[in-house]
Amino acid sequence: MPETGRVVTKAGEGVAVAFGKTLKTLRTKAGMEREELGRRLGYSVSTIASFEQGRRIPSSRAIEQSDDILGADGLLSVWQGQLERAQYPAGFQGLVELEKTAIELLHYEKFVVSGLLQTEEFMRAILAMRRPRLDQETIERRVEERLGRQKAMFGRRPEPLNSFIMDEAVLRQRYGGEKVLRGQLEHLLLLGHEPHIDIQIMPFACEDNAGVSGPFTIATRKDGKQFLYFEATHQMSLMVEPEQVTVAAVRFGVIRSQALSPRESLAFIEKLLGEL
């Protein structure tokens, strides 16, 4: 199946339109028709048109190839970072940027393993369950982007402090089957021994849970400013109001005190592995 490109969110329209105009200008300057560029990239004429009109975004591979084909000397490749963010809603764009520079991130999850901790197999299983269904190219692109976020987070120095708390249910759902779950639990055990990563589990047996209102993330910048990120149906929000962030930080502290300690949590994960 030929690639169709990535969807543009409303927040990323300006970037996509600007890139499209640049692509069209360079193509016209090179004396190349849309049909020829599409043939060399593996896209239809209508898809090339949608790129130039800012309605869709090419894959990273196609952007790099376009740069070479049109002799752009990097004028197209330089857009890649902004175009990656253009696929995300505004709130999530902000979180992705914060992940690159934050000194501490606090994550509470109730439904699935945090994207920063997911194995590639787990990612594919989760994305395959989406409804409406995602096409294979979109799944591959999102897996690539999620792995890129992990690399950016855990590969930089100094590495930020990451505290992850998740409900026991997150670890028992056999998304993708037993093999996928086993690999995910083994991955959590490895990450849980890293010095800058704490993983805590909120067990079913716990009678109190201050996180019943849902998952959220708190990111702290070098200057001490904190941001609250949370998701609701069809909405991703990044909040900066001090009162809301403070309330969330207090809530996270309570959740942390109610959950198993990091050492107890790793033993708990080992026990779950033994039950598979």
Foldseek 3Di string as FASTA:
>chain_A
DFDLAAAFDPVLQVLQQVLLCVLVVLCVVLVHQLCVLCVVLRHHSVSNVCSNRSGGHHALVSQVVSCVVSVVVCPRNVSVVSVVLRRDPPQVSVVLVLLLFFQEKEKEAEAADPLLLADLLLLLLVLCPDPVHDDPVVSVRVSVVSVVSNCSQQVDPPHHAYEYEYEPVNLPDQRNHDVRSLVSLVSCLVQLPDPRYFYWYQYPPQPDALCPVGIKMWTAGPVGQIWIWDDDVVDTHIDRPPVVNVVVVVNSVVRQVRIDGRVVRSVVSVVVSVVD
